[in-house]
Amino acid sequence: MTACSYFSNIAIINFAHTYPVKYARKMFFYLANLYWKAIGGLGAALMWAAAGTLLTCTLIFFPAAVSCYKNAYIAYKPFGRTITVIYGKISLLGLVWTLTFGAVMAFFCMAAACASCAVIAGVPTLGQWSKLIKLALFPYAISD
């Protein structure tokens, strides 16, 4: 057996093992996001989009509106994403957001998380609700 055929067999074996896993993960995220939309994620995404539309009308808070639309997309499809808060990026606009809109959105997300705990099928969405609470409290200090 030559070295070339040996390494090509390894590549085929690795490809055969990773190919189904990769698409199984994609299928899981697709089904989980579909389930998420039915449980309450669609309402959270619409709430972020409404906040973005409201802030767009003021023109002063246009950068905040852009962030709201990005967060609406994350709220629409949270499975398969990681949210990291960068604490050095917190600004005055972020503080004003947290004390006004952010508090209302975080309360909505906490109430929805508690409601999803009431049903066994809603327990897998608790991690996603915690992501949305982070988004509500720190929308500008987020790295996705």
C-alpha atoms as a PDB file:
ATOM      1  CA  MET A   1       0.000   0.000   0.000  1.00  0.00           C
ATOM      2  CA  THR A   2       1.445   3.342  -0.979  1.00  0.00           C
ATOM      3  CA  ALA A   3       1.325   6.403   1.247  1.00  0.00           C
ATOM      4  CA  CYS A   4      -0.921   8.213  -1.219  1.00  0.00           C
ATOM      5  CA  SER A   5      -3.631   5.555  -1.177  1.00  0.00           C
ATOM      6  CA  TYR A   6      -3.354   5.268   2.617  1.00  0.00           C
ATOM      7  CA  PHE A   7      -4.033   8.968   3.156  1.00  0.00           C
ATOM      8  CA  SER A   8      -6.852   9.030   0.608  1.00  0.00           C
ATOM      9  CA  ASN A   9      -8.563   6.181   2.496  1.00  0.00           C
ATOM     10  CA  ILE A  10      -8.268   8.158   5.748  1.00  0.00           C
ATOM     11  CA  ALA A  11      -9.802  11.200   4.084  1.00  0.00           C
ATOM     12  CA  ILE A  12     -12.718   9.099   2.815  1.00  0.00           C
ATOM     13  CA  ILE A  13     -13.276   7.572   6.259  1.00  0.00           C
ATOM     14  CA  ASN A  14     -13.190  10.982   7.978  1.00  0.00           C
ATOM     15  CA  PHE A  15     -15.519  12.425   5.382  1.00  0.00           C
ATOM     16  CA  ALA A  16     -17.919   9.507   5.797  1.00  0.00           C
ATOM     17  CA  HIS A  17     -18.081  10.060   9.552  1.00  0.00           C
ATOM     18  CA  THR A  18     -18.347  13.859   9.605  1.00  0.00           C
ATOM     19  CA  TYR A  19     -20.720  14.299   6.659  1.00  0.00           C
ATOM     20  CA  PRO A  20     -23.838  12.811   8.345  1.00  0.00           C
ATOM     21  CA  VAL A  21     -23.047  14.518  11.667  1.00  0.00           C
ATOM     22  CA  LYS A  22     -22.752  17.909  10.000  1.00  0.00           C
ATOM     23  CA  TYR A  23     -26.123  17.609   8.321  1.00  0.00           C
ATOM     24  CA  ALA A  24     -27.724  16.061  11.392  1.00  0.00           C
ATOM     25  CA  ARG A  25     -26.713  19.173  13.347  1.00  0.00           C
ATOM     26  CA  LYS A  26     -28.155  21.424  10.648  1.00  0.00           C
ATOM     27  CA  MET A  27     -31.385  19.429  10.686  1.00  0.00           C
ATOM     28  CA  PHE A  28     -31.556  19.631  14.483  1.00  0.00           C
ATOM     29  CA  PHE A  29     -31.060  23.410  14.408  1.00  0.00           C
ATOM     30  CA  TYR A  30     -33.706  23.728  11.691  1.00  0.00           C
ATOM     31  CA  LEU A  31     -36.251  21.688  13.668  1.00  0.00           C
ATOM     32  CA  ALA A  32     -35.349  23.403  16.943  1.00  0.00           C
ATOM     33  CA  ASN A  33     -35.763  26.855  15.377  1.00  0.00           C
ATOM     34  CA  LEU A  34     -39.101  25.771  13.924  1.00  0.00           C
ATOM     35  CA  TYR A  35     -40.223  24.615  17.379  1.00  0.00           C
ATOM     36  CA  TRP A  36     -38.862  27.850  18.867  1.00  0.00           C
ATOM     37  CA  LYS A  37     -41.009  29.961  16.553  1.00  0.00           C
ATOM     38  CA  ALA A  38     -44.113  28.068  17.639  1.00  0.00           C
ATOM     39  CA  ILE A  39     -43.322  28.376  21.371  1.00  0.00           C
ATOM     40  CA  GLY A  40     -42.745  32.129  21.488  1.00  0.00           C
ATOM     41  CA  GLY A  41     -39.696  33.109  19.517  1.00  0.00           C
ATOM     42  CA  LEU A  42     -41.775  34.713  16.799  1.00  0.00           C
ATOM     43  CA  GLY A  43     -43.296  37.086  19.351  1.00  0.00           C
ATOM     44  CA  ALA A  44     -39.853  38.000  20.686  1.00  0.00           C
ATOM     45  CA  ALA A  45     -38.548  38.655  17.170  1.00  0.00           C
ATOM     46  CA  LEU A  46     -41.570  40.825  16.369  1.00  0.00           C
ATOM     47  CA  MET A  47     -41.011  42.737  19.611  1.00  0.00           C
ATOM     48  CA  TRP A  48     -37.392  43.462  18.600  1.00  0.00           C
ATOM     49  CA  ALA A  49     -38.503  44.500  15.112  1.00  0.00           C
ATOM     50  CA  ALA A  50     -41.179  46.810  16.562  1.00  0.00           C
ATOM     51  CA  ALA A  51     -38.583  48.427  18.827  1.00  0.00           C
ATOM     52  CA  GLY A  52     -36.310  48.888  15.807  1.00  0.00           C
ATOM     53  CA  THR A  53     -39.118  50.473  13.812  1.00  0.00           C
ATOM     54  CA  LEU A  54     -39.946  52.815  16.685  1.00  0.00           C
ATOM     55  CA  LEU A  55     -36.307  53.860  17.023  1.00  0.00           C
ATOM     56  CA  THR A  56     -35.962  54.327  13.258  1.00  0.00           C
ATOM     57  CA  CYS A  57     -38.746  56.903  13.333  1.00  0.00           C
ATOM     58  CA  THR A  58     -36.701  59.112  15.674  1.00  0.00           C
ATOM     59  CA  LEU A  59     -33.637  59.210  13.341  1.00  0.00           C
ATOM     60  CA  ILE A  60     -31.402  60.074  16.305  1.00  0.00           C
ATOM     61  CA  PHE A  61     -31.421  56.490  17.511  1.00  0.00           C
ATOM     62  CA  PHE A  62     -30.802  54.971  14.066  1.00  0.00           C
ATOM     63  CA  PRO A  63     -27.705  53.002  15.234  1.00  0.00           C
ATOM     64  CA  ALA A  64     -29.848  51.526  17.996  1.00  0.00           C
ATOM     65  CA  ALA A  65     -32.470  50.538  15.422  1.00  0.00           C
ATOM     66  CA  VAL A  66     -29.886  48.662  13.348  1.00  0.00           C
ATOM     67  CA  SER A  67     -28.867  46.737  16.457  1.00  0.00           C
ATOM     68  CA  CYS A  68     -32.537  45.976  17.162  1.00  0.00           C
ATOM     69  CA  TYR A  69     -32.982  44.444  13.716  1.00  0.00           C
ATOM     70  CA  LYS A  70     -29.851  42.298  14.185  1.00  0.00           C
ATOM     71  CA  ASN A  71     -31.190  41.150  17.548  1.00  0.00           C
ATOM     72  CA  ALA A  72     -34.579  40.403  15.956  1.00  0.00           C
ATOM     73  CA  TYR A  73     -32.870  37.979  13.597  1.00  0.00           C
ATOM     74  CA  ILE A  74     -31.068  36.318  16.517  1.00  0.00           C
ATOM     75  CA  ALA A  75     -34.379  36.088  18.382  1.00  0.00           C
ATOM     76  CA  TYR A  76     -35.968  34.539  15.283  1.00  0.00           C
ATOM     77  CA  LYS A  77     -33.318  31.801  14.968  1.00  0.00           C
ATOM     78  CA  PRO A  78     -31.421  31.414  18.271  1.00  0.00           C
ATOM     79  CA  PHE A  79     -30.441  27.733  18.015  1.00  0.00           C
ATOM     80  CA  GLY A  80     -26.902  27.255  16.773  1.00  0.00           C
ATOM     81  CA  ARG A  81     -25.748  30.719  17.866  1.00  0.00           C
ATOM     82  CA  THR A  82     -23.652  31.805  20.817  1.00  0.00           C
ATOM     83  CA  ILE A  83     -24.007  35.165  22.529  1.00  0.00           C
ATOM     84  CA  THR A  84     -21.044  36.714  24.350  1.00  0.00           C
ATOM     85  CA  VAL A  85     -21.275  39.964  26.305  1.00  0.00           C
ATOM     86  CA  ILE A  86     -18.219  42.206  25.929  1.00  0.00           C
ATOM     87  CA  TYR A  87     -18.262  44.296  29.082  1.00  0.00           C
ATOM     88  CA  GLY A  88     -15.786  46.907  27.841  1.00  0.00           C
ATOM     89  CA  LYS A  89     -18.211  47.931  25.075  1.00  0.00           C
ATOM     90  CA  ILE A  90     -21.021  49.108  27.353  1.00  0.00           C
ATOM     91  CA  SER A  91     -21.820  52.743  26.517  1.00  0.00           C
ATOM     92  CA  LEU A  92     -24.181  55.507  27.587  1.00  0.00           C
ATOM     93  CA  LEU A  93     -26.627  54.494  24.857  1.00  0.00           C
ATOM     94  CA  GLY A  94     -26.531  50.949  26.206  1.00  0.00           C
ATOM     95  CA  LEU A  95     -27.285  52.194  29.705  1.00  0.00           C
ATOM     96  CA  VAL A  96     -30.257  54.259  28.470  1.00  0.00           C
ATOM     97  CA  TRP A  97     -31.461  51.213  26.525  1.00  0.00           C
ATOM     98  CA  THR A  98     -31.185  48.922  29.543  1.00  0.00           C
ATOM     99  CA  LEU A  99     -33.178  51.291  31.746  1.00  0.00           C
ATOM    100  CA  THR A 100     -35.985  51.791  29.190  1.00  0.00           C
ATOM    101  CA  PHE A 101     -36.684  49.253  26.441  1.00  0.00           C
ATOM    102  CA  GLY A 102     -34.270  46.636  27.738  1.00  0.00           C
ATOM    103  CA  ALA A 103     -35.991  46.273  31.088  1.00  0.00           C
ATOM    104  CA  VAL A 104     -39.350  45.684  29.397  1.00  0.00           C
ATOM    105  CA  MET A 105     -37.919  43.143  26.950  1.00  0.00           C
ATOM    106  CA  ALA A 106     -35.974  41.339  29.671  1.00  0.00           C
ATOM    107  CA  PHE A 107     -39.152  41.108  31.763  1.00  0.00           C
ATOM    108  CA  PHE A 108     -41.049  39.685  28.763  1.00  0.00           C
ATOM    109  CA  CYS A 109     -38.300  37.118  28.174  1.00  0.00           C
ATOM    110  CA  MET A 110     -38.227  36.121  31.859  1.00  0.00           C
ATOM    111  CA  ALA A 111     -42.002  35.723  31.923  1.00  0.00           C
ATOM    112  CA  ALA A 112     -41.902  33.629  28.750  1.00  0.00           C
ATOM    113  CA  ALA A 113     -39.096  31.491  30.195  1.00  0.00           C
ATOM    114  CA  CYS A 114     -41.155  30.855  33.338  1.00  0.00           C
ATOM    115  CA  ALA A 115     -44.179  29.995  31.207  1.00  0.00           C
ATOM    116  CA  SER A 116     -42.156  27.574  29.117  1.00  0.00           C
ATOM    117  CA  CYS A 117     -41.022  25.832  32.325  1.00  0.00           C
ATOM    118  CA  ALA A 118     -44.651  24.949  33.023  1.00  0.00           C
ATOM    119  CA  VAL A 119     -44.633  22.523  30.108  1.00  0.00           C
ATOM    120  CA  ILE A 120     -42.063  19.747  29.788  1.00  0.00           C
ATOM    121  CA  ALA A 121     -41.704  20.431  26.057  1.00  0.00           C
ATOM    122  CA  GLY A 122     -40.678  24.027  26.796  1.00  0.00           C
ATOM    123  CA  VAL A 123     -37.672  23.158  28.958  1.00  0.00           C
ATOM    124  CA  PRO A 124     -35.213  22.964  26.011  1.00  0.00           C
ATOM    125  CA  THR A 125     -35.984  26.589  25.177  1.00  0.00           C
ATOM    126  CA  LEU A 126     -34.749  27.936  28.526  1.00  0.00           C
ATOM    127  CA  GLY A 127     -31.226  28.400  27.199  1.00  0.00           C
ATOM    128  CA  GLN A 128     -32.585  30.381  24.269  1.00  0.00           C
ATOM    129  CA  TRP A 129     -34.625  32.617  26.561  1.00  0.00           C
ATOM    130  CA  SER A 130     -31.459  33.321  28.573  1.00  0.00           C
ATOM    131  CA  LYS A 131     -29.754  34.394  25.324  1.00  0.00           C
ATOM    132  CA  LEU A 132     -32.598  36.806  24.675  1.00  0.00           C
ATOM    133  CA  ILE A 133     -32.349  38.195  28.203  1.00  0.00           C
ATOM    134  CA  LYS A 134     -28.662  38.949  27.526  1.00  0.00           C
ATOM    135  CA  LEU A 135     -29.674  40.626  24.271  1.00  0.00           C
ATOM    136  CA  ALA A 136     -32.329  42.693  26.044  1.00  0.00           C
ATOM    137  CA  LEU A 137     -29.983  43.956  28.735  1.00  0.00           C
ATOM    138  CA  PHE A 138     -26.813  44.436  26.650  1.00  0.00           C
ATOM    139  CA  PRO A 139     -27.817  44.893  22.986  1.00  0.00           C
ATOM    140  CA  TYR A 140     -24.691  46.848  21.943  1.00  0.00           C
ATOM    141  CA  ALA A 141     -22.085  44.845  23.840  1.00  0.00           C
ATOM    142  CA  ILE A 142     -22.858  41.565  22.095  1.00  0.00           C
ATOM    143  CA  SER A 143     -20.515  39.471  19.989  1.00  0.00           C
ATOM    144  CA  ASP A 144     -22.271  36.806  17.911  1.00  0.00           C
END
